C-alpha atoms as a PDB file:
ATOM      1  CA  MET A   1     -11.444  -7.395   2.232  1.00  0.00           C
ATOM      2  CA  HIS A   2     -15.184  -6.793   2.174  1.00  0.00           C
ATOM      3  CA  ARG A   3     -15.044  -5.347   5.698  1.00  0.00           C
ATOM      4  CA  THR A   4     -12.172  -3.059   4.648  1.00  0.00           C
ATOM      5  CA  THR A   5     -14.045  -1.770   1.634  1.00  0.00           C
ATOM      6  CA  HIS A   6     -17.099  -1.139   3.803  1.00  0.00           C
ATOM      7  CA  LEU A   7     -15.041   0.878   6.306  1.00  0.00           C
ATOM      8  CA  LEU A   8     -13.314   2.870   3.567  1.00  0.00           C
ATOM      9  CA  ARG A   9     -16.717   3.723   2.098  1.00  0.00           C
ATOM     10  CA  GLU A  10     -17.909   4.888   5.509  1.00  0.00           C
ATOM     11  CA  LEU A  11     -14.898   7.195   5.755  1.00  0.00           C
ATOM     12  CA  ILE A  12     -15.062   8.844   2.349  1.00  0.00           C
ATOM     13  CA  GLY A  13     -18.542   8.051   1.012  1.00  0.00           C
ATOM     14  CA  PRO A  14     -19.972   4.964  -0.727  1.00  0.00           C
ATOM     15  CA  ALA A  15     -19.334   5.845  -4.379  1.00  0.00           C
ATOM     16  CA  ARG A  16     -15.951   7.454  -3.774  1.00  0.00           C
ATOM     17  CA  GLY A  17     -14.883   4.556  -1.559  1.00  0.00           C
ATOM     18  CA  ARG A  18     -15.724   2.061  -4.313  1.00  0.00           C
ATOM     19  CA  LEU A  19     -13.875   4.168  -6.870  1.00  0.00           C
ATOM     20  CA  ILE A  20     -10.740   4.468  -4.689  1.00  0.00           C
ATOM     21  CA  GLU A  21     -10.806   0.703  -4.083  1.00  0.00           C
ATOM     22  CA  ALA A  22     -11.024   0.071  -7.837  1.00  0.00           C
ATOM     23  CA  LEU A  23      -8.240   2.579  -8.608  1.00  0.00           C
ATOM     24  CA  ARG A  24      -5.949   0.969  -6.013  1.00  0.00           C
ATOM     25  CA  SER A  25      -5.767  -2.211  -8.051  1.00  0.00           C
ATOM     26  CA  VAL A  26      -5.364  -0.830 -11.588  1.00  0.00           C
ATOM     27  CA  PRO A  27      -2.226  -1.681 -13.581  1.00  0.00           C
ATOM     28  CA  GLU A  28       0.586   0.820 -14.060  1.00  0.00           C
ATOM     29  CA  SER A  29      -0.756   1.673 -17.511  1.00  0.00           C
ATOM     30  CA  GLY A  30      -3.980   3.049 -15.976  1.00  0.00           C
ATOM     31  CA  VAL A  31      -7.576   2.008 -16.581  1.00  0.00           C
ATOM     32  CA  HIS A  32     -10.226   3.225 -19.000  1.00  0.00           C
ATOM     33  CA  LEU A  33     -13.723   4.355 -18.035  1.00  0.00           C
ATOM     34  CA  ARG A  34     -15.686   1.172 -18.778  1.00  0.00           C
ATOM     35  CA  GLU A  35     -13.208  -1.081 -16.945  1.00  0.00           C
ATOM     36  CA  LEU A  36     -13.259   1.303 -13.999  1.00  0.00           C
ATOM     37  CA  SER A  37     -17.068   1.337 -14.031  1.00  0.00           C
ATOM     38  CA  ARG A  38     -17.101  -2.493 -13.834  1.00  0.00           C
ATOM     39  CA  GLY A  39     -14.389  -2.609 -11.169  1.00  0.00           C
ATOM     40  CA  ALA A  40     -16.099  -0.029  -8.950  1.00  0.00           C
ATOM     41  CA  GLY A  41     -19.614  -1.336  -9.586  1.00  0.00           C
ATOM     42  CA  LEU A  42     -20.796   2.185 -10.479  1.00  0.00           C
ATOM     43  CA  SER A  43     -22.912   3.459 -13.345  1.00  0.00           C
ATOM     44  CA  LEU A  44     -21.025   5.545 -15.907  1.00  0.00           C
ATOM     45  CA  SER A  45     -22.793   8.735 -14.764  1.00  0.00           C
ATOM     46  CA  SER A  46     -21.927   8.154 -11.065  1.00  0.00           C
ATOM     47  CA  LEU A  47     -18.382   7.188 -12.016  1.00  0.00           C
ATOM     48  CA  GLN A  48     -17.872  10.309 -14.145  1.00  0.00           C
ATOM     49  CA  ARG A  49     -19.221  12.535 -11.348  1.00  0.00           C
ATOM     50  CA  GLU A  50     -16.844  11.013  -8.773  1.00  0.00           C
ATOM     51  CA  LEU A  51     -13.899  11.049 -11.191  1.00  0.00           C
ATOM     52  CA  GLU A  52     -14.433  14.763 -11.864  1.00  0.00           C
ATOM     53  CA  ARG A  53     -14.319  15.419  -8.100  1.00  0.00           C
ATOM     54  CA  LEU A  54     -11.109  13.402  -7.690  1.00  0.00           C
ATOM     55  CA  LEU A  55      -9.549  15.060 -10.768  1.00  0.00           C
ATOM     56  CA  ALA A  56     -10.436  18.521  -9.396  1.00  0.00           C
ATOM     57  CA  SER A  57      -8.859  17.525  -6.052  1.00  0.00           C
ATOM     58  CA  GLY A  58      -5.647  16.500  -7.852  1.00  0.00           C
ATOM     59  CA  LEU A  59      -5.888  12.903  -6.593  1.00  0.00           C
ATOM     60  CA  VAL A  60      -6.375  11.242  -9.983  1.00  0.00           C
ATOM     61  CA  SER A  61      -4.631  11.702 -13.319  1.00  0.00           C
ATOM     62  CA  ARG A  62      -6.264  11.479 -16.750  1.00  0.00           C
ATOM     63  CA  ARG A  63      -4.277  10.922 -19.941  1.00  0.00           C
ATOM     64  CA  THR A  64      -4.730   9.629 -23.455  1.00  0.00           C
ATOM     65  CA  GLN A  65      -3.120   6.312 -24.297  1.00  0.00           C
ATOM     66  CA  ALA A  66      -3.523   4.614 -27.682  1.00  0.00           C
ATOM     67  CA  ASN A  67      -6.636   6.676 -28.475  1.00  0.00           C
ATOM     68  CA  ARG A  68      -8.210   5.871 -25.093  1.00  0.00           C
ATOM     69  CA  VAL A  69      -8.562   8.017 -22.000  1.00  0.00           C
ATOM     70  CA  VAL A  70      -7.143   6.254 -18.938  1.00  0.00           C
ATOM     71  CA  PHE A  71      -7.168   7.142 -15.225  1.00  0.00           C
ATOM     72  CA  ASP A  72      -4.868   6.393 -12.316  1.00  0.00           C
ATOM     73  CA  LEU A  73      -4.323   7.505  -8.726  1.00  0.00           C
ATOM     74  CA  LYS A  74      -1.584  10.120  -8.292  1.00  0.00           C
ATOM     75  CA  ARG A  75       0.318   7.994  -5.799  1.00  0.00           C
ATOM     76  CA  ASP A  76       2.947  10.665  -5.165  1.00  0.00           C
ATOM     77  CA  GLU A  77       0.296  13.051  -3.742  1.00  0.00           C
ATOM     78  CA  PRO A  78       0.354  13.263   0.091  1.00  0.00           C
ATOM     79  CA  LEU A  79      -3.417  12.796   0.397  1.00  0.00           C
ATOM     80  CA  VAL A  80      -3.340   9.716  -1.848  1.00  0.00           C
ATOM     81  CA  LYS A  81      -0.493   8.291   0.267  1.00  0.00           C
ATOM     82  CA  LEU A  82      -2.652   8.891   3.343  1.00  0.00           C
ATOM     83  CA  LEU A  83      -5.682   7.208   1.726  1.00  0.00           C
ATOM     84  CA  LEU A  84      -3.606   4.178   0.745  1.00  0.00           C
ATOM     85  CA  ALA A  85      -2.078   3.949   4.243  1.00  0.00           C
ATOM     86  CA  THR A  86      -5.604   4.181   5.692  1.00  0.00           C
ATOM     87  CA  ALA A  87      -6.821   1.377   3.434  1.00  0.00           C
ATOM     88  CA  ALA A  88      -3.822  -0.770   4.465  1.00  0.00           C
ATOM     89  CA  ALA A  89      -4.520  -0.018   8.133  1.00  0.00           C
ATOM     90  CA  LEU A  90      -8.183  -1.000   7.743  1.00  0.00           C
ATOM     91  CA  GLU A  91      -7.238  -4.285   6.070  1.00  0.00           C
ATOM     92  CA  LEU A  92      -4.872  -5.114   8.913  1.00  0.00           C
ATOM     93  CA  ARG A  93      -7.135  -4.081  11.807  1.00  0.00           C
ATOM     94  CA  GLU A  94      -8.122  -7.625  12.680  1.00  0.00           C
ATOM     95  CA  ALA A  95      -4.783  -9.167  11.720  1.00  0.00           C
ATOM     96  CA  ARG A  96      -1.876  -9.901  13.996  1.00  0.00           C
ATOM     97  CA  LEU A  97       1.260 -10.206  11.911  1.00  0.00           C
ATOM     98  CA  THR A  98       3.628 -12.809  13.336  1.00  0.00           C
ATOM     99  CA  ARG A  99       5.048 -14.393  10.160  1.00  0.00           C
ATOM    100  CA  MET A 100       5.291 -13.973   6.414  1.00  0.00           C
ATOM    101  CA  PRO A 101       1.854 -14.170   4.748  1.00  0.00           C
ATOM    102  CA  SER A 102       0.790 -17.602   3.504  1.00  0.00           C
ATOM    103  CA  ASP A 103      -2.177 -16.763   1.238  1.00  0.00           C
ATOM    104  CA  ARG A 104      -2.888 -14.155  -1.436  1.00  0.00           C
ATOM    105  CA  GLY A 105      -5.261 -12.049   0.678  1.00  0.00           C
ATOM    106  CA  ALA A 106      -2.800 -11.806   3.556  1.00  0.00           C
ATOM    107  CA  GLU A 107       0.045 -11.177   1.111  1.00  0.00           C
ATOM    108  CA  LYS A 108      -1.838  -8.249  -0.464  1.00  0.00           C
ATOM    109  CA  ALA A 109      -2.480  -6.677   2.957  1.00  0.00           C
ATOM    110  CA  PHE A 110       1.168  -7.246   3.929  1.00  0.00           C
ATOM    111  CA  VAL A 111       2.445  -5.647   0.699  1.00  0.00           C
ATOM    112  CA  ASP A 112       0.134  -2.663   1.259  1.00  0.00           C
ATOM    113  CA  LEU A 113       1.545  -2.273   4.765  1.00  0.00           C
ATOM    114  CA  CYS A 114       5.120  -2.271   3.446  1.00  0.00           C
ATOM    115  CA  ALA A 115       4.294  -0.005   0.515  1.00  0.00           C
ATOM    116  CA  HIS A 116       2.151   2.625   2.212  1.00  0.00           C
ATOM    117  CA  PHE A 117       2.538   2.636   5.990  1.00  0.00           C
ATOM    118  CA  PRO A 118       4.820   5.347   7.379  1.00  0.00           C
ATOM    119  CA  PRO A 119       7.757   4.147   9.518  1.00  0.00           C
ATOM    120  CA  ASP A 120       5.997   5.045  12.771  1.00  0.00           C
ATOM    121  CA  ALA A 121       6.672   2.572  15.581  1.00  0.00           C
ATOM    122  CA  GLU A 122       3.425   3.397  17.398  1.00  0.00           C
ATOM    123  CA  LEU A 123       1.394   2.422  14.332  1.00  0.00           C
ATOM    124  CA  TRP A 124       3.438  -0.679  13.485  1.00  0.00           C
ATOM    125  CA  ARG A 125       3.467  -1.970  17.077  1.00  0.00           C
ATOM    126  CA  ARG A 126      -0.324  -2.399  16.986  1.00  0.00           C
ATOM    127  CA  LEU A 127      -0.159  -4.712  13.973  1.00  0.00           C
ATOM    128  CA  GLY A 128       1.507  -7.741  15.460  1.00  0.00           C
ATOM    129  CA  ASP A 129       4.635  -9.263  16.931  1.00  0.00           C
ATOM    130  CA  ALA A 130       7.282  -6.554  17.446  1.00  0.00           C
ATOM    131  CA  GLU A 131      10.195  -8.905  16.695  1.00  0.00           C
ATOM    132  CA  PHE A 132       8.678 -10.026  13.382  1.00  0.00           C
ATOM    133  CA  LEU A 133       7.773  -6.471  12.343  1.00  0.00           C
ATOM    134  CA  ALA A 134      11.242  -5.207  13.289  1.00  0.00           C
ATOM    135  CA  GLY A 135      12.717  -7.745  10.857  1.00  0.00           C
ATOM    136  CA  VAL A 136      10.347  -6.503   8.132  1.00  0.00           C
ATOM    137  CA  ALA A 137      11.497  -2.935   8.830  1.00  0.00           C
ATOM    138  CA  VAL A 138      15.153  -4.014   8.413  1.00  0.00           C
ATOM    139  CA  LEU A 139      14.263  -5.632   5.067  1.00  0.00           C
ATOM    140  CA  LEU A 140      12.643  -2.393   3.892  1.00  0.00           C
ATOM    141  CA  ALA A 141      15.606  -0.324   5.123  1.00  0.00           C
ATOM    142  CA  GLY A 142      17.778  -2.217   2.646  1.00  0.00           C
ATOM    143  CA  HIS A 143      15.454  -1.745  -0.330  1.00  0.00           C
ATOM    144  CA  SER A 144      15.602   1.120  -2.837  1.00  0.00           C
ATOM    145  CA  GLY A 145      12.987   3.847  -2.458  1.00  0.00           C
ATOM    146  CA  PHE A 146      12.801   3.476   1.341  1.00  0.00           C
ATOM    147  CA  ASP A 147      14.431   5.845   3.825  1.00  0.00           C
ATOM    148  CA  ARG A 148      17.140   3.587   5.283  1.00  0.00           C
ATOM    149  CA  ALA A 149      17.679   5.580   8.487  1.00  0.00           C
ATOM    150  CA  ALA A 150      13.937   5.851   9.207  1.00  0.00           C
ATOM    151  CA  TYR A 151      13.279   2.116   8.761  1.00  0.00           C
ATOM    152  CA  LEU A 152      16.329   1.108  10.813  1.00  0.00           C
ATOM    153  CA  ALA A 153      15.106   3.465  13.544  1.00  0.00           C
ATOM    154  CA  LEU A 154      11.661   1.837  13.262  1.00  0.00           C
ATOM    155  CA  ALA A 155      13.227  -1.615  13.652  1.00  0.00           C
ATOM    156  CA  GLU A 156      15.169  -0.524  16.733  1.00  0.00           C
ATOM    157  CA  SER A 157      12.063   1.094  18.272  1.00  0.00           C
ATOM    158  CA  LEU A 158      10.095  -2.097  17.771  1.00  0.00           C
ATOM    159  CA  SER A 159      12.812  -4.444  19.030  1.00  0.00           C
ATOM    160  CA  PRO A 160      16.166  -3.033  20.203  1.00  0.00           C
ATOM    161  CA  GLY A 161      19.055  -4.774  18.470  1.00  0.00           C
ATOM    162  CA  ALA A 162      16.905  -6.039  15.579  1.00  0.00           C
ATOM    163  CA  SER A 163      19.099  -4.362  12.956  1.00  0.00           C
ATOM    164  CA  ALA A 164      22.277  -6.104  14.132  1.00  0.00           C
ATOM    165  CA  PRO A 165      23.481  -8.413  11.310  1.00  0.00           C
ATOM    166  CA  GLU A 166      23.441 -11.609  13.388  1.00  0.00           C
ATOM    167  CA  ARG A 167      19.919 -10.906  14.708  1.00  0.00           C
ATOM    168  CA  HIS A 168      18.629 -10.190  11.213  1.00  0.00           C
ATOM    169  CA  GLU A 169      20.277 -13.336   9.818  1.00  0.00           C
ATOM    170  CA  ALA A 170      18.520 -15.368  12.524  1.00  0.00           C
ATOM    171  CA  TRP A 171      15.208 -13.637  11.654  1.00  0.00           C
ATOM    172  CA  HIS A 172      15.796 -14.546   7.996  1.00  0.00           C
ATOM    173  CA  ARG A 173      16.372 -18.214   8.843  1.00  0.00           C
ATOM    174  CA  VAL A 174      13.111 -18.357  10.815  1.00  0.00           C
ATOM    175  CA  HIS A 175      10.844 -16.452   8.395  1.00  0.00           C
ATOM    176  CA  ARG A 176      12.505 -17.236   5.032  1.00  0.00           C
ATOM    177  CA  PRO A 177      10.995 -14.317   3.046  1.00  0.00           C
ATOM    178  CA  ASN A 178      10.817 -14.657  -0.737  1.00  0.00           C
ATOM    179  CA  LEU A 179      12.564 -11.327  -1.314  1.00  0.00           C
ATOM    180  CA  PRO A 180      12.417 -11.148  -5.137  1.00  0.00           C
ATOM    181  CA  ARG A 181       8.651 -11.749  -5.093  1.00  0.00           C
ATOM    182  CA  LEU A 182       8.037  -9.492  -2.098  1.00  0.00           C
ATOM    183  CA  PHE A 183      10.092  -6.571  -3.400  1.00  0.00           C
ATOM    184  CA  SER A 184       8.598  -6.928  -6.878  1.00  0.00           C
ATOM    185  CA  MET A 185       5.085  -6.659  -5.428  1.00  0.00           C
ATOM    186  CA  ILE A 186       6.027  -3.741  -3.162  1.00  0.00           C
ATOM    187  CA  ASP A 187       7.699  -1.891  -6.039  1.00  0.00           C
ATOM    188  CA  ARG A 188       4.661  -2.407  -8.247  1.00  0.00           C
ATOM    189  CA  GLU A 189       2.371  -1.137  -5.478  1.00  0.00           C
ATOM    190  CA  ARG A 190       4.444   1.955  -4.720  1.00  0.00           C
ATOM    191  CA  ARG A 191       5.635   2.579  -8.287  1.00  0.00           C
ATOM    192  CA  THR A 192       4.946   6.341  -8.524  1.00  0.00           C
ATOM    193  CA  HIS A 193       5.766   6.994  -4.873  1.00  0.00           C
ATOM    194  CA  ALA A 194       9.131   5.201  -5.176  1.00  0.00           C
ATOM    195  CA  ARG A 195      10.010   7.082  -8.363  1.00  0.00           C
ATOM    196  CA  ALA A 196       9.148  10.401  -6.724  1.00  0.00           C
ATOM    197  CA  GLU A 197      11.351   9.654  -3.705  1.00  0.00           C
ATOM    198  CA  ASN A 198      14.299   8.610  -5.860  1.00  0.00           C
ATOM    199  CA  GLN A 199      14.290  11.719  -8.065  1.00  0.00           C
END
């Protein structure tokens, strides 16, 4: 994760990179200034300067909640989607996905991949075993908020025949995904994006 954060900071600047990283992990209710300052490791003055830039760019929302001002990423904005996909890609650069994640760090990177990566076979193919990733694409094709046709096409591009019921059942027996947990985490991560797609 440290390497990812470092690369993200190189791409968009040190302070802004730290702020984006902190905003990625805030709860659905948003985060207030002091919490954000601690999470990003920035002074209040630096934080306010960067927040004003992100607010002016339309990437962050500000609202009042129970007499406090809270901030959150506008996850339905195309540029925010791109930033989140970039962060997921950076986290997975050194990884080779061949099975369901077995620790929290790997699980977070895997959820980010599912939540933010576009269904582009060229991008997915670089991340690991095509057969495993094709099965993941079939899972996502069956989940609300995902474009079924696009994810089935992704699965077929990665491994022809992967979306056939008997092949997917065999994949399920091998990898045994915890679907309620996985989908809950993906939904939480893509909450605004999923709502925007379903409207």
